[in-house]
Amino acid sequence: MLENNNNSSYTRCYVAIGSNLADPVAQAQEAIVALQTLIQSHLVAVSSLYASKPMGPQEQPDYINAVACIDTCLAPLALLDALQHIENEQGRVRKEHWGARTLDLDILLYGDDIMSTPRLTVPHYGMKEREFVLYPLAEIAPQLQLPCGQALSTLLEGCPRNDLAIYQNIE
């Protein structure tokens, strides 16, 4: 699922995909299809689907996670709006912080931008410690450098897998 896009008006972004309700594998696959049709954007790559333990309350189902790489002309908040629209279309209800969810789409990186607004922080505030983000991200961008200059490979060295396992390869 690789596409070559040399248009300099596009920004390379990475989006985390997570689900643990209402057939999480299907939710992740539907989200990937939605990302393929995202306006003013091109899906570049998608990691395998990974199974992970919940980060928050443990009395919820395990998660299915992935990371997608997209090139987009959308501004950061417009991309966030588009991703939240996809979440809502797939039945996302925001009840509990770190609670179970049908779909969670988080902007991990937006080019080399560093920003913090009431609605959006990039790089994503928790990405450096989360195995379910770092390992799928490394699968599709092993040489990645974060905007702070830190290498993804260095972050992986200090990040235990915590039973993270590939659930399904994306074709």
N, C-alpha and C. Protein backbone atom coordinates (compact mmCIF):
# COMPACT_ATOMS: atom_id res chain seq x y z
N MET A 1 0.84 -1.18 0.00
CA MET A 1 0.00 0.00 0.00
C MET A 1 0.88 1.24 0.00
N LEU A 2 1.84 1.29 -0.89
CA LEU A 2 2.75 2.42 -0.94
C LEU A 2 2.48 3.27 -2.16
N GLU A 3 2.58 4.55 -1.98
CA GLU A 3 2.36 5.48 -3.06
C GLU A 3 3.51 6.49 -3.05
N ASN A 4 3.95 6.90 -4.21
CA ASN A 4 5.00 7.89 -4.26
C ASN A 4 4.37 9.24 -4.57
N ASN A 5 4.66 10.21 -3.74
CA ASN A 5 4.07 11.52 -3.92
C ASN A 5 5.16 12.57 -3.76
N ASN A 6 5.50 13.25 -4.84
CA ASN A 6 6.58 14.22 -4.80
C ASN A 6 6.10 15.67 -4.72
N ASN A 7 4.82 15.89 -4.49
CA ASN A 7 4.29 17.24 -4.42
C ASN A 7 4.72 17.88 -3.11
N SER A 8 5.46 18.97 -3.21
CA SER A 8 6.02 19.59 -2.01
C SER A 8 4.98 20.29 -1.15
N SER A 9 3.74 20.48 -1.63
CA SER A 9 2.72 21.12 -0.81
C SER A 9 2.10 20.13 0.18
N TYR A 10 2.49 18.89 0.12
CA TYR A 10 1.99 17.88 1.04
C TYR A 10 2.89 17.79 2.26
N THR A 11 2.29 17.48 3.39
CA THR A 11 3.03 17.26 4.63
C THR A 11 2.90 15.80 5.01
N ARG A 12 4.01 15.17 5.37
CA ARG A 12 4.02 13.77 5.80
C ARG A 12 3.53 13.70 7.25
N CYS A 13 2.49 12.89 7.47
CA CYS A 13 1.89 12.75 8.79
C CYS A 13 1.78 11.28 9.16
N TYR A 14 1.78 11.03 10.46
CA TYR A 14 1.59 9.67 10.96
C TYR A 14 0.38 9.70 11.89
N VAL A 15 -0.51 8.72 11.70
CA VAL A 15 -1.76 8.65 12.45
C VAL A 15 -1.85 7.29 13.14
N ALA A 16 -2.08 7.31 14.45
CA ALA A 16 -2.28 6.08 15.21
C ALA A 16 -3.75 5.66 15.08
N ILE A 17 -3.95 4.36 14.96
CA ILE A 17 -5.28 3.77 14.84
C ILE A 17 -5.45 2.79 16.00
N GLY A 18 -6.54 2.92 16.75
CA GLY A 18 -6.79 2.00 17.85
C GLY A 18 -8.26 1.70 18.00
N SER A 19 -8.57 0.46 18.39
CA SER A 19 -9.96 0.06 18.62
C SER A 19 -10.00 -1.15 19.54
N ASN A 20 -11.02 -1.19 20.41
CA ASN A 20 -11.22 -2.41 21.20
C ASN A 20 -12.70 -2.74 21.41
N LEU A 21 -13.56 -2.15 20.60
CA LEU A 21 -15.00 -2.43 20.65
C LEU A 21 -15.55 -2.66 19.25
N ALA A 22 -16.68 -3.38 19.18
CA ALA A 22 -17.45 -3.53 17.94
C ALA A 22 -16.58 -4.06 16.80
N ASP A 23 -15.94 -5.21 17.02
CA ASP A 23 -15.07 -5.85 16.04
C ASP A 23 -13.89 -4.96 15.70
N PRO A 24 -12.92 -4.88 16.62
CA PRO A 24 -11.79 -3.96 16.46
C PRO A 24 -11.02 -4.13 15.15
N VAL A 25 -10.86 -5.37 14.67
CA VAL A 25 -10.14 -5.56 13.41
C VAL A 25 -10.90 -4.88 12.28
N ALA A 26 -12.21 -5.08 12.23
CA ALA A 26 -13.03 -4.44 11.19
C ALA A 26 -13.00 -2.92 11.35
N GLN A 27 -13.03 -2.43 12.58
CA GLN A 27 -12.97 -0.98 12.82
C GLN A 27 -11.66 -0.41 12.27
N ALA A 28 -10.55 -1.09 12.55
CA ALA A 28 -9.25 -0.61 12.05
C ALA A 28 -9.22 -0.65 10.53
N GLN A 29 -9.71 -1.73 9.95
CA GLN A 29 -9.71 -1.84 8.49
C GLN A 29 -10.60 -0.78 7.85
N GLU A 30 -11.76 -0.50 8.45
CA GLU A 30 -12.63 0.57 7.92
C GLU A 30 -11.95 1.93 8.03
N ALA A 31 -11.23 2.14 9.12
CA ALA A 31 -10.51 3.41 9.28
C ALA A 31 -9.44 3.56 8.20
N ILE A 32 -8.76 2.47 7.88
CA ILE A 32 -7.74 2.52 6.82
C ILE A 32 -8.37 2.85 5.48
N VAL A 33 -9.52 2.26 5.19
CA VAL A 33 -10.24 2.58 3.96
C VAL A 33 -10.63 4.07 3.96
N ALA A 34 -11.10 4.56 5.10
CA ALA A 34 -11.48 5.98 5.19
C ALA A 34 -10.26 6.88 4.98
N LEU A 35 -9.10 6.48 5.50
CA LEU A 35 -7.89 7.27 5.29
C LEU A 35 -7.48 7.28 3.81
N GLN A 36 -7.77 6.19 3.09
CA GLN A 36 -7.46 6.14 1.66
C GLN A 36 -8.27 7.16 0.87
N THR A 37 -9.44 7.52 1.39
CA THR A 37 -10.32 8.43 0.67
C THR A 37 -10.35 9.83 1.29
N LEU A 38 -9.46 10.09 2.23
CA LEU A 38 -9.39 11.39 2.90
C LEU A 38 -9.09 12.49 1.88
N ILE A 39 -9.85 13.56 1.94
CA ILE A 39 -9.67 14.64 0.97
C ILE A 39 -8.28 15.25 1.08
N GLN A 40 -7.75 15.70 -0.05
CA GLN A 40 -6.47 16.38 -0.15
C GLN A 40 -5.35 15.60 0.53
N SER A 41 -5.44 14.28 0.48
CA SER A 41 -4.46 13.43 1.16
C SER A 41 -4.22 12.16 0.36
N HIS A 42 -3.07 11.54 0.63
CA HIS A 42 -2.73 10.26 0.01
C HIS A 42 -2.22 9.33 1.09
N LEU A 43 -2.77 8.14 1.15
CA LEU A 43 -2.28 7.12 2.07
C LEU A 43 -0.97 6.58 1.49
N VAL A 44 0.10 6.61 2.28
CA VAL A 44 1.41 6.19 1.82
C VAL A 44 1.71 4.76 2.28
N ALA A 45 1.45 4.46 3.55
CA ALA A 45 1.76 3.15 4.11
C ALA A 45 0.92 2.92 5.36
N VAL A 46 0.73 1.63 5.68
CA VAL A 46 0.03 1.24 6.91
C VAL A 46 0.78 0.07 7.51
N SER A 47 0.96 0.11 8.82
CA SER A 47 1.63 -0.98 9.51
C SER A 47 0.71 -2.20 9.57
N SER A 48 1.25 -3.28 10.08
CA SER A 48 0.43 -4.44 10.43
C SER A 48 -0.53 -4.02 11.54
N LEU A 49 -1.52 -4.85 11.79
CA LEU A 49 -2.39 -4.66 12.95
C LEU A 49 -1.71 -5.36 14.13
N TYR A 50 -1.68 -4.69 15.26
CA TYR A 50 -1.05 -5.22 16.47
C TYR A 50 -2.10 -5.40 17.56
N ALA A 51 -1.95 -6.44 18.36
CA ALA A 51 -2.80 -6.65 19.54
C ALA A 51 -2.05 -6.12 20.75
N SER A 52 -2.73 -5.33 21.58
CA SER A 52 -2.08 -4.77 22.77
C SER A 52 -3.05 -4.77 23.95
N LYS A 53 -2.47 -4.75 25.13
CA LYS A 53 -3.25 -4.65 26.37
C LYS A 53 -3.73 -3.21 26.52
N PRO A 54 -4.87 -3.02 27.18
CA PRO A 54 -5.36 -1.65 27.40
C PRO A 54 -4.39 -0.84 28.26
N MET A 55 -4.31 0.45 27.97
CA MET A 55 -3.43 1.33 28.72
C MET A 55 -4.12 1.83 29.99
N GLY A 56 -5.41 2.05 29.90
CA GLY A 56 -6.16 2.58 31.03
C GLY A 56 -6.75 1.47 31.87
N PRO A 57 -8.03 1.58 32.20
CA PRO A 57 -8.69 0.55 33.00
C PRO A 57 -8.51 -0.83 32.37
N GLN A 58 -8.10 -1.80 33.19
CA GLN A 58 -7.78 -3.13 32.66
C GLN A 58 -9.01 -4.00 32.44
N GLU A 59 -10.16 -3.60 32.95
CA GLU A 59 -11.36 -4.39 32.75
C GLU A 59 -12.07 -3.99 31.45
N GLN A 60 -11.29 -3.97 30.38
CA GLN A 60 -11.81 -3.71 29.04
C GLN A 60 -11.07 -4.63 28.08
N PRO A 61 -11.64 -4.85 26.88
CA PRO A 61 -10.99 -5.76 25.92
C PRO A 61 -9.63 -5.24 25.45
N ASP A 62 -8.80 -6.17 24.96
CA ASP A 62 -7.52 -5.79 24.36
C ASP A 62 -7.78 -4.93 23.12
N TYR A 63 -6.76 -4.22 22.71
CA TYR A 63 -6.85 -3.31 21.57
C TYR A 63 -6.24 -3.92 20.31
N ILE A 64 -6.71 -3.42 19.20
CA ILE A 64 -6.06 -3.59 17.91
C ILE A 64 -5.51 -2.22 17.54
N ASN A 65 -4.22 -2.16 17.21
CA ASN A 65 -3.56 -0.89 16.89
C ASN A 65 -2.81 -0.99 15.57
N ALA A 66 -2.63 0.15 14.95
CA ALA A 66 -1.81 0.27 13.74
C ALA A 66 -1.37 1.72 13.63
N VAL A 67 -0.47 1.98 12.70
CA VAL A 67 -0.07 3.34 12.38
C VAL A 67 -0.11 3.50 10.86
N ALA A 68 -0.69 4.61 10.42
CA ALA A 68 -0.76 4.92 9.00
C ALA A 68 0.10 6.15 8.72
N CYS A 69 0.70 6.16 7.55
CA CYS A 69 1.45 7.31 7.06
C CYS A 69 0.64 7.93 5.93
N ILE A 70 0.38 9.22 6.03
CA ILE A 70 -0.33 9.92 4.96
C ILE A 70 0.43 11.19 4.60
N ASP A 71 0.30 11.56 3.34
CA ASP A 71 0.74 12.88 2.89
C ASP A 71 -0.52 13.68 2.69
N THR A 72 -0.56 14.87 3.28
CA THR A 72 -1.79 15.66 3.25
C THR A 72 -1.53 17.14 2.98
N CYS A 73 -2.50 17.77 2.35
CA CYS A 73 -2.50 19.22 2.18
C CYS A 73 -3.34 19.89 3.27
N LEU A 74 -4.03 19.08 4.07
CA LEU A 74 -4.86 19.62 5.14
C LEU A 74 -4.00 20.24 6.23
N ALA A 75 -4.44 21.37 6.76
CA ALA A 75 -3.78 21.97 7.92
C ALA A 75 -4.00 21.06 9.13
N PRO A 76 -3.18 21.18 10.17
CA PRO A 76 -3.30 20.27 11.31
C PRO A 76 -4.71 20.16 11.90
N LEU A 77 -5.36 21.29 12.14
CA LEU A 77 -6.70 21.21 12.74
C LEU A 77 -7.74 20.69 11.75
N ALA A 78 -7.56 20.95 10.47
CA ALA A 78 -8.46 20.38 9.47
C ALA A 78 -8.29 18.87 9.40
N LEU A 79 -7.05 18.40 9.52
CA LEU A 79 -6.81 16.96 9.57
C LEU A 79 -7.45 16.36 10.82
N LEU A 80 -7.29 17.01 11.96
CA LEU A 80 -7.91 16.54 13.19
C LEU A 80 -9.43 16.45 13.02
N ASP A 81 -10.04 17.48 12.44
CA ASP A 81 -11.49 17.46 12.20
C ASP A 81 -11.88 16.27 11.32
N ALA A 82 -11.10 16.02 10.27
CA ALA A 82 -11.40 14.92 9.36
C ALA A 82 -11.28 13.58 10.08
N LEU A 83 -10.27 13.43 10.92
CA LEU A 83 -10.09 12.19 11.66
C LEU A 83 -11.21 11.99 12.68
N GLN A 84 -11.62 13.06 13.34
CA GLN A 84 -12.73 12.95 14.30
C GLN A 84 -14.04 12.64 13.59
N HIS A 85 -14.20 13.11 12.37
CA HIS A 85 -15.38 12.76 11.57
C HIS A 85 -15.39 11.25 11.30
N ILE A 86 -14.24 10.70 10.94
CA ILE A 86 -14.15 9.25 10.71
C ILE A 86 -14.49 8.50 11.99
N GLU A 87 -13.94 8.94 13.12
CA GLU A 87 -14.26 8.30 14.41
C GLU A 87 -15.76 8.32 14.67
N ASN A 88 -16.37 9.47 14.47
CA ASN A 88 -17.82 9.61 14.72
C ASN A 88 -18.63 8.73 13.78
N GLU A 89 -18.22 8.65 12.52
CA GLU A 89 -18.92 7.80 11.55
C GLU A 89 -18.87 6.33 11.96
N GLN A 90 -17.82 5.96 12.67
CA GLN A 90 -17.65 4.57 13.11
C GLN A 90 -18.13 4.36 14.55
N GLY A 91 -18.93 5.30 15.06
CA GLY A 91 -19.60 5.10 16.33
C GLY A 91 -18.82 5.50 17.57
N ARG A 92 -17.80 6.33 17.44
CA ARG A 92 -17.01 6.75 18.60
C ARG A 92 -17.87 7.56 19.56
N VAL A 93 -17.83 7.17 20.83
CA VAL A 93 -18.48 7.92 21.89
C VAL A 93 -17.41 8.21 22.94
N ARG A 94 -17.24 9.48 23.29
CA ARG A 94 -16.23 9.86 24.27
C ARG A 94 -16.87 9.91 25.65
N LYS A 95 -16.61 8.84 26.45
CA LYS A 95 -17.18 8.77 27.79
C LYS A 95 -16.11 8.86 28.86
N GLU A 96 -15.08 8.06 28.72
CA GLU A 96 -14.10 7.88 29.79
C GLU A 96 -12.70 7.99 29.20
N HIS A 97 -11.84 8.78 29.87
CA HIS A 97 -10.45 8.91 29.45
C HIS A 97 -9.79 7.54 29.50
N TRP A 98 -9.15 7.13 28.42
CA TRP A 98 -8.48 5.84 28.28
C TRP A 98 -9.46 4.67 28.40
N GLY A 99 -10.74 4.93 28.17
CA GLY A 99 -11.73 3.86 28.23
C GLY A 99 -11.85 3.15 26.89
N ALA A 100 -12.69 2.12 26.87
CA ALA A 100 -12.93 1.36 25.65
C ALA A 100 -13.51 2.28 24.58
N ARG A 101 -13.20 1.95 23.30
CA ARG A 101 -13.69 2.79 22.21
C ARG A 101 -13.78 1.99 20.92
N THR A 102 -14.71 2.42 20.08
CA THR A 102 -14.83 1.78 18.76
C THR A 102 -13.64 2.15 17.90
N LEU A 103 -13.21 3.42 17.98
CA LEU A 103 -12.12 3.87 17.13
C LEU A 103 -11.47 5.11 17.73
N ASP A 104 -10.15 5.11 17.69
CA ASP A 104 -9.37 6.25 18.12
C ASP A 104 -8.34 6.53 17.03
N LEU A 105 -8.35 7.72 16.49
CA LEU A 105 -7.38 8.15 15.48
C LEU A 105 -6.64 9.37 16.04
N ASP A 106 -5.35 9.21 16.24
CA ASP A 106 -4.55 10.29 16.82
C ASP A 106 -3.45 10.71 15.85
N ILE A 107 -3.29 12.01 15.67
CA ILE A 107 -2.17 12.53 14.89
C ILE A 107 -0.93 12.39 15.76
N LEU A 108 0.00 11.58 15.32
CA LEU A 108 1.25 11.40 16.05
C LEU A 108 2.25 12.47 15.67
N LEU A 109 2.45 12.63 14.37
CA LEU A 109 3.39 13.60 13.84
C LEU A 109 2.76 14.31 12.65
N TYR A 110 2.99 15.60 12.57
CA TYR A 110 2.55 16.40 11.43
C TYR A 110 3.81 17.07 10.89
N GLY A 111 4.45 16.39 9.92
CA GLY A 111 5.73 16.87 9.41
C GLY A 111 6.71 17.03 10.56
N ASP A 112 7.44 18.13 10.56
CA ASP A 112 8.37 18.43 11.65
C ASP A 112 7.78 19.46 12.61
N ASP A 113 6.46 19.67 12.50
CA ASP A 113 5.81 20.67 13.35
C ASP A 113 5.82 20.26 14.81
N ILE A 114 5.96 21.26 15.65
CA ILE A 114 5.78 21.11 17.09
C ILE A 114 4.74 22.15 17.47
N MET A 115 3.61 21.68 18.00
CA MET A 115 2.55 22.62 18.35
C MET A 115 1.75 22.10 19.53
N SER A 116 1.18 23.04 20.27
CA SER A 116 0.31 22.68 21.37
C SER A 116 -0.81 23.71 21.43
N THR A 117 -2.02 23.22 21.16
CA THR A 117 -3.21 24.07 21.23
C THR A 117 -4.19 23.34 22.15
N PRO A 118 -5.27 24.00 22.53
CA PRO A 118 -6.26 23.29 23.36
C PRO A 118 -6.80 22.01 22.71
N ARG A 119 -6.81 21.95 21.38
CA ARG A 119 -7.37 20.78 20.68
C ARG A 119 -6.33 19.79 20.19
N LEU A 120 -5.09 20.22 19.99
CA LEU A 120 -4.13 19.35 19.34
C LEU A 120 -2.71 19.63 19.82
N THR A 121 -2.02 18.55 20.16
CA THR A 121 -0.60 18.62 20.49
C THR A 121 0.14 17.66 19.58
N VAL A 122 1.12 18.18 18.84
CA VAL A 122 2.00 17.33 18.03
C VAL A 122 3.44 17.76 18.27
N PRO A 123 4.34 16.80 18.37
CA PRO A 123 4.09 15.37 18.37
C PRO A 123 3.11 14.98 19.48
N HIS A 124 2.42 13.86 19.27
CA HIS A 124 1.45 13.38 20.25
C HIS A 124 2.14 13.24 21.60
N TYR A 125 1.49 13.73 22.65
CA TYR A 125 2.11 13.83 23.97
C TYR A 125 2.59 12.50 24.55
N GLY A 126 1.98 11.37 24.19
CA GLY A 126 2.36 10.11 24.81
C GLY A 126 3.08 9.14 23.90
N MET A 127 3.36 9.56 22.69
CA MET A 127 3.86 8.59 21.71
C MET A 127 5.22 8.00 22.06
N LYS A 128 6.06 8.72 22.78
CA LYS A 128 7.42 8.26 23.07
C LYS A 128 7.47 7.07 24.02
N GLU A 129 6.39 6.83 24.77
CA GLU A 129 6.38 5.75 25.76
C GLU A 129 5.47 4.59 25.37
N ARG A 130 4.72 4.69 24.31
CA ARG A 130 3.68 3.72 24.01
C ARG A 130 4.15 2.69 22.97
N GLU A 131 4.30 1.47 23.42
CA GLU A 131 4.75 0.40 22.53
C GLU A 131 3.80 0.19 21.36
N PHE A 132 2.51 0.37 21.58
CA PHE A 132 1.52 0.17 20.52
C PHE A 132 1.54 1.28 19.48
N VAL A 133 2.33 2.31 19.72
CA VAL A 133 2.59 3.37 18.74
C VAL A 133 3.98 3.17 18.13
N LEU A 134 4.98 3.01 18.98
CA LEU A 134 6.37 2.98 18.50
C LEU A 134 6.68 1.80 17.59
N TYR A 135 6.24 0.60 17.94
CA TYR A 135 6.58 -0.56 17.11
C TYR A 135 5.88 -0.53 15.74
N PRO A 136 4.58 -0.21 15.68
CA PRO A 136 3.97 -0.08 14.34
C PRO A 136 4.58 1.07 13.53
N LEU A 137 4.91 2.17 14.20
CA LEU A 137 5.55 3.31 13.52
C LEU A 137 6.89 2.89 12.95
N ALA A 138 7.66 2.13 13.71
CA ALA A 138 8.98 1.68 13.24
C ALA A 138 8.85 0.71 12.07
N GLU A 139 7.75 -0.01 12.01
CA GLU A 139 7.54 -0.93 10.89
C GLU A 139 7.46 -0.18 9.56
N ILE A 140 6.82 0.99 9.56
CA ILE A 140 6.64 1.73 8.30
C ILE A 140 7.63 2.88 8.13
N ALA A 141 8.33 3.27 9.20
CA ALA A 141 9.28 4.39 9.11
C ALA A 141 10.47 4.13 10.03
N PRO A 142 11.25 3.09 9.76
CA PRO A 142 12.31 2.69 10.68
C PRO A 142 13.41 3.75 10.88
N GLN A 143 13.62 4.62 9.92
CA GLN A 143 14.68 5.63 10.02
C GLN A 143 14.16 6.97 10.55
N LEU A 144 12.93 7.01 11.01
CA LEU A 144 12.29 8.26 11.40
C LEU A 144 13.04 8.99 12.51
N GLN A 145 13.14 10.30 12.34
CA GLN A 145 13.64 11.20 13.38
C GLN A 145 12.47 12.07 13.82
N LEU A 146 12.25 12.19 15.10
CA LEU A 146 11.19 13.05 15.60
C LEU A 146 11.60 14.51 15.46
N PRO A 147 10.64 15.43 15.49
CA PRO A 147 10.98 16.85 15.35
C PRO A 147 11.99 17.34 16.38
N CYS A 148 12.05 16.70 17.53
CA CYS A 148 13.02 17.08 18.56
C CYS A 148 14.42 16.58 18.24
N GLY A 149 14.56 15.79 17.17
CA GLY A 149 15.85 15.26 16.76
C GLY A 149 16.12 13.85 17.26
N GLN A 150 15.25 13.33 18.10
CA GLN A 150 15.44 11.99 18.64
C GLN A 150 15.08 10.94 17.59
N ALA A 151 15.90 9.90 17.50
CA ALA A 151 15.66 8.82 16.55
C ALA A 151 14.63 7.85 17.11
N LEU A 152 13.72 7.41 16.26
CA LEU A 152 12.73 6.42 16.66
C LEU A 152 13.43 5.16 17.18
N SER A 153 14.52 4.77 16.53
CA SER A 153 15.24 3.57 16.96
C SER A 153 15.72 3.69 18.41
N THR A 154 16.10 4.88 18.84
CA THR A 154 16.53 5.10 20.22
C THR A 154 15.36 4.93 21.19
N LEU A 155 14.20 5.43 20.81
CA LEU A 155 13.01 5.27 21.65
C LEU A 155 12.65 3.80 21.81
N LEU A 156 12.79 3.04 20.73
CA LEU A 156 12.45 1.61 20.79
C LEU A 156 13.36 0.85 21.75
N GLU A 157 14.62 1.25 21.84
CA GLU A 157 15.56 0.58 22.73
C GLU A 157 15.10 0.61 24.18
N GLY A 158 14.40 1.67 24.56
CA GLY A 158 13.94 1.80 25.94
C GLY A 158 12.47 1.50 26.14
N CYS A 159 11.85 0.88 25.15
CA CYS A 159 10.40 0.64 25.23
C CYS A 159 10.10 -0.86 25.21
N PRO A 160 9.72 -1.43 26.35
CA PRO A 160 9.37 -2.85 26.37
C PRO A 160 8.13 -3.12 25.51
N ARG A 161 8.05 -4.32 24.96
CA ARG A 161 6.92 -4.68 24.09
C ARG A 161 5.62 -4.89 24.86
N ASN A 162 5.69 -5.24 26.15
CA ASN A 162 4.48 -5.44 26.97
C ASN A 162 3.45 -6.35 26.30
N ASP A 163 3.89 -7.49 25.81
CA ASP A 163 3.00 -8.47 25.14
C ASP A 163 2.42 -7.98 23.82
N LEU A 164 2.93 -6.86 23.29
CA LEU A 164 2.48 -6.39 21.97
C LEU A 164 2.84 -7.44 20.93
N ALA A 165 1.90 -7.79 20.07
CA ALA A 165 2.15 -8.82 19.05
C ALA A 165 1.44 -8.44 17.76
N ILE A 166 2.06 -8.80 16.64
CA ILE A 166 1.39 -8.59 15.36
C ILE A 166 0.17 -9.50 15.32
N TYR A 167 -0.97 -8.90 15.05
CA TYR A 167 -2.21 -9.63 14.95
C TYR A 167 -2.49 -10.04 13.51
N GLN A 168 -2.22 -9.09 12.60
CA GLN A 168 -2.53 -9.34 11.19
C GLN A 168 -1.69 -8.39 10.33
N ASN A 169 -1.09 -8.94 9.28
CA ASN A 169 -0.38 -8.10 8.32
C ASN A 169 -1.37 -7.47 7.37
N ILE A 170 -1.13 -6.23 6.99
CA ILE A 170 -1.99 -5.54 6.03
C ILE A 170 -1.47 -5.86 4.63
N GLU A 171 -2.35 -6.24 3.76
CA GLU A 171 -1.97 -6.57 2.37
C GLU A 171 -2.04 -5.34 1.51
